[in-house]
Amino acid sequence: MSDSALTIIARIKAKTGLEARMRQDLLSLLMPTQAESGCLTFDLLQDINDPTIFVLYENWRDQAAVDDHFQQPYVKQVLQAYEETLAEPIEVLYLRKIEPSLLQ
């Protein structure tokens, strides 16, 4: 990954009873997002102990790629669906990988 690459981890909690709908909404993002030129990794995970919790693990070329992603119609559609399915606000971490210095 380059110095400008970003990792995003988003924890998403569905309302009880709406797990299947949340799963389908999130699955609808996978293929089109993975096809975006700035997307390096976009994986969906589900907590094995609490099926209401989903995690998106994402790696992006740079912030511009992330910004472009959020302008896509399929992303806006899922964000709108969140109004009905989210149990709590999404927790998002924006991270950069720390590489060991070659000078050490």
C-alpha atoms as a PDB file:
ATOM      1  CA  MET A   1       0.000   0.000   0.000  1.00  0.00           C
ATOM      2  CA  SER A   2       1.159   3.512  -0.695  1.00  0.00           C
ATOM      3  CA  ASP A   3       1.483   6.294   1.878  1.00  0.00           C
ATOM      4  CA  SER A   4      -1.829   7.752   0.723  1.00  0.00           C
ATOM      5  CA  ALA A   5      -3.709   4.429   0.959  1.00  0.00           C
ATOM      6  CA  LEU A   6      -6.498   4.241   3.528  1.00  0.00           C
ATOM      7  CA  THR A   7      -7.997   1.369   5.471  1.00  0.00           C
ATOM      8  CA  ILE A   8     -11.545   1.795   6.687  1.00  0.00           C
ATOM      9  CA  ILE A   9     -13.232  -0.469   9.200  1.00  0.00           C
ATOM     10  CA  ALA A  10     -16.938   0.141   9.679  1.00  0.00           C
ATOM     11  CA  ARG A  11     -18.954  -1.622  12.407  1.00  0.00           C
ATOM     12  CA  ILE A  12     -22.633  -1.721  11.527  1.00  0.00           C
ATOM     13  CA  LYS A  13     -25.359  -2.974  13.877  1.00  0.00           C
ATOM     14  CA  ALA A  14     -28.713  -3.962  12.417  1.00  0.00           C
ATOM     15  CA  LYS A  15     -31.959  -3.782  14.316  1.00  0.00           C
ATOM     16  CA  THR A  16     -32.962  -7.172  15.699  1.00  0.00           C
ATOM     17  CA  GLY A  17     -35.090  -8.928  13.113  1.00  0.00           C
ATOM     18  CA  LEU A  18     -33.618  -6.912  10.229  1.00  0.00           C
ATOM     19  CA  GLU A  19     -30.315  -8.805   9.973  1.00  0.00           C
ATOM     20  CA  ALA A  20     -31.254 -10.518   6.692  1.00  0.00           C
ATOM     21  CA  ARG A  21     -32.244  -7.221   5.092  1.00  0.00           C
ATOM     22  CA  MET A  22     -29.040  -5.546   6.282  1.00  0.00           C
ATOM     23  CA  ARG A  23     -27.012  -8.472   4.955  1.00  0.00           C
ATOM     24  CA  GLN A  24     -28.673  -8.176   1.523  1.00  0.00           C
ATOM     25  CA  ASP A  25     -28.164  -4.402   1.436  1.00  0.00           C
ATOM     26  CA  LEU A  26     -24.481  -4.791   2.287  1.00  0.00           C
ATOM     27  CA  LEU A  27     -23.997  -7.679  -0.149  1.00  0.00           C
ATOM     28  CA  SER A  28     -25.366  -5.437  -2.908  1.00  0.00           C
ATOM     29  CA  LEU A  29     -22.336  -3.187  -2.380  1.00  0.00           C
ATOM     30  CA  LEU A  30     -19.658  -5.866  -2.822  1.00  0.00           C
ATOM     31  CA  MET A  31     -19.338  -6.407  -6.564  1.00  0.00           C
ATOM     32  CA  PRO A  32     -19.781  -2.817  -7.742  1.00  0.00           C
ATOM     33  CA  THR A  33     -17.479  -1.483  -5.033  1.00  0.00           C
ATOM     34  CA  GLN A  34     -14.789  -4.086  -5.717  1.00  0.00           C
ATOM     35  CA  ALA A  35     -14.917  -2.992  -9.389  1.00  0.00           C
ATOM     36  CA  GLU A  36     -14.175   0.655  -8.509  1.00  0.00           C
ATOM     37  CA  SER A  37     -10.704   1.654  -9.719  1.00  0.00           C
ATOM     38  CA  GLY A  38      -9.648   3.031  -6.318  1.00  0.00           C
ATOM     39  CA  CYS A  39     -10.833   0.020  -4.315  1.00  0.00           C
ATOM     40  CA  LEU A  40      -8.059  -2.345  -3.198  1.00  0.00           C
ATOM     41  CA  THR A  41     -10.131  -4.474  -0.790  1.00  0.00           C
ATOM     42  CA  PHE A  42     -13.805  -4.438   0.183  1.00  0.00           C
ATOM     43  CA  ASP A  43     -14.884  -7.327   2.399  1.00  0.00           C
ATOM     44  CA  LEU A  44     -18.071  -7.926   4.368  1.00  0.00           C
ATOM     45  CA  LEU A  45     -17.924  -9.853   7.651  1.00  0.00           C
ATOM     46  CA  GLN A  46     -20.591 -10.855  10.164  1.00  0.00           C
ATOM     47  CA  ASP A  47     -20.034 -11.434  13.882  1.00  0.00           C
ATOM     48  CA  ILE A  48     -20.352 -15.154  14.688  1.00  0.00           C
ATOM     49  CA  ASN A  49     -21.679 -14.418  18.191  1.00  0.00           C
ATOM     50  CA  ASP A  50     -24.043 -11.566  17.323  1.00  0.00           C
ATOM     51  CA  PRO A  51     -25.643 -11.791  13.857  1.00  0.00           C
ATOM     52  CA  THR A  52     -26.829  -8.172  14.088  1.00  0.00           C
ATOM     53  CA  ILE A  53     -23.209  -6.949  13.767  1.00  0.00           C
ATOM     54  CA  PHE A  54     -21.557  -6.550  10.381  1.00  0.00           C
ATOM     55  CA  VAL A  55     -18.102  -5.207   9.600  1.00  0.00           C
ATOM     56  CA  LEU A  56     -16.851  -3.709   6.355  1.00  0.00           C
ATOM     57  CA  TYR A  57     -13.094  -4.026   5.910  1.00  0.00           C
ATOM     58  CA  GLU A  58     -11.944  -1.711   3.135  1.00  0.00           C
ATOM     59  CA  ASN A  59      -8.654  -0.642   1.589  1.00  0.00           C
ATOM     60  CA  TRP A  60      -8.605   2.323  -0.783  1.00  0.00           C
ATOM     61  CA  ARG A  61      -5.949   3.857  -3.016  1.00  0.00           C
ATOM     62  CA  ASP A  62      -6.475   7.315  -1.472  1.00  0.00           C
ATOM     63  CA  GLN A  63      -9.057   9.691  -0.002  1.00  0.00           C
ATOM     64  CA  ALA A  64     -10.228  10.733  -3.472  1.00  0.00           C
ATOM     65  CA  ALA A  65     -11.218   7.111  -4.181  1.00  0.00           C
ATOM     66  CA  VAL A  66     -13.220   7.005  -0.930  1.00  0.00           C
ATOM     67  CA  ASP A  67     -14.916  10.294  -1.786  1.00  0.00           C
ATOM     68  CA  ASP A  68     -15.809   8.964  -5.248  1.00  0.00           C
ATOM     69  CA  HIS A  69     -17.185   5.753  -3.705  1.00  0.00           C
ATOM     70  CA  PHE A  70     -19.672   7.693  -1.574  1.00  0.00           C
ATOM     71  CA  GLN A  71     -21.002   9.433  -4.697  1.00  0.00           C
ATOM     72  CA  GLN A  72     -22.030   6.152  -6.345  1.00  0.00           C
ATOM     73  CA  PRO A  73     -25.806   5.585  -6.624  1.00  0.00           C
ATOM     74  CA  TYR A  74     -25.615   2.075  -5.137  1.00  0.00           C
ATOM     75  CA  VAL A  75     -23.871   3.456  -2.037  1.00  0.00           C
ATOM     76  CA  LYS A  76     -26.417   6.245  -1.631  1.00  0.00           C
ATOM     77  CA  GLN A  77     -29.218   3.668  -1.900  1.00  0.00           C
ATOM     78  CA  VAL A  78     -27.780   1.552   0.943  1.00  0.00           C
ATOM     79  CA  LEU A  79     -27.116   4.638   3.078  1.00  0.00           C
ATOM     80  CA  GLN A  80     -30.769   5.583   2.667  1.00  0.00           C
ATOM     81  CA  ALA A  81     -31.867   2.054   3.655  1.00  0.00           C
ATOM     82  CA  TYR A  82     -29.826   2.417   6.858  1.00  0.00           C
ATOM     83  CA  GLU A  83     -32.479   4.829   8.142  1.00  0.00           C
ATOM     84  CA  GLU A  84     -34.754   1.810   8.683  1.00  0.00           C
ATOM     85  CA  THR A  85     -32.261  -0.938   9.500  1.00  0.00           C
ATOM     86  CA  LEU A  86     -29.576   0.586  11.754  1.00  0.00           C
ATOM     87  CA  ALA A  87     -29.837  -0.088  15.478  1.00  0.00           C
ATOM     88  CA  GLU A  88     -27.155   2.502  16.344  1.00  0.00           C
ATOM     89  CA  PRO A  89     -24.780   4.888  14.590  1.00  0.00           C
ATOM     90  CA  ILE A  90     -22.082   3.238  12.487  1.00  0.00           C
ATOM     91  CA  GLU A  91     -18.634   3.169  14.090  1.00  0.00           C
ATOM     92  CA  VAL A  92     -15.972   4.020  11.495  1.00  0.00           C
ATOM     93  CA  LEU A  93     -12.199   3.910  11.800  1.00  0.00           C
ATOM     94  CA  TYR A  94     -10.045   5.603   9.151  1.00  0.00           C
ATOM     95  CA  LEU A  95      -6.571   4.100   9.327  1.00  0.00           C
ATOM     96  CA  ARG A  96      -3.176   4.288   7.660  1.00  0.00           C
ATOM     97  CA  LYS A  97      -0.711   1.431   7.796  1.00  0.00           C
ATOM     98  CA  ILE A  98       2.466   2.115   9.734  1.00  0.00           C
ATOM     99  CA  GLU A  99       5.491   0.781   7.880  1.00  0.00           C
ATOM    100  CA  PRO A 100       8.757   0.106   9.696  1.00  0.00           C
ATOM    101  CA  SER A 101      11.382   2.625   8.758  1.00  0.00           C
ATOM    102  CA  LEU A 102      14.194   1.409   6.550  1.00  0.00           C
ATOM    103  CA  LEU A 103      16.586   3.610   8.597  1.00  0.00           C
ATOM    104  CA  GLN A 104      16.164   1.778  11.899  1.00  0.00           C
END
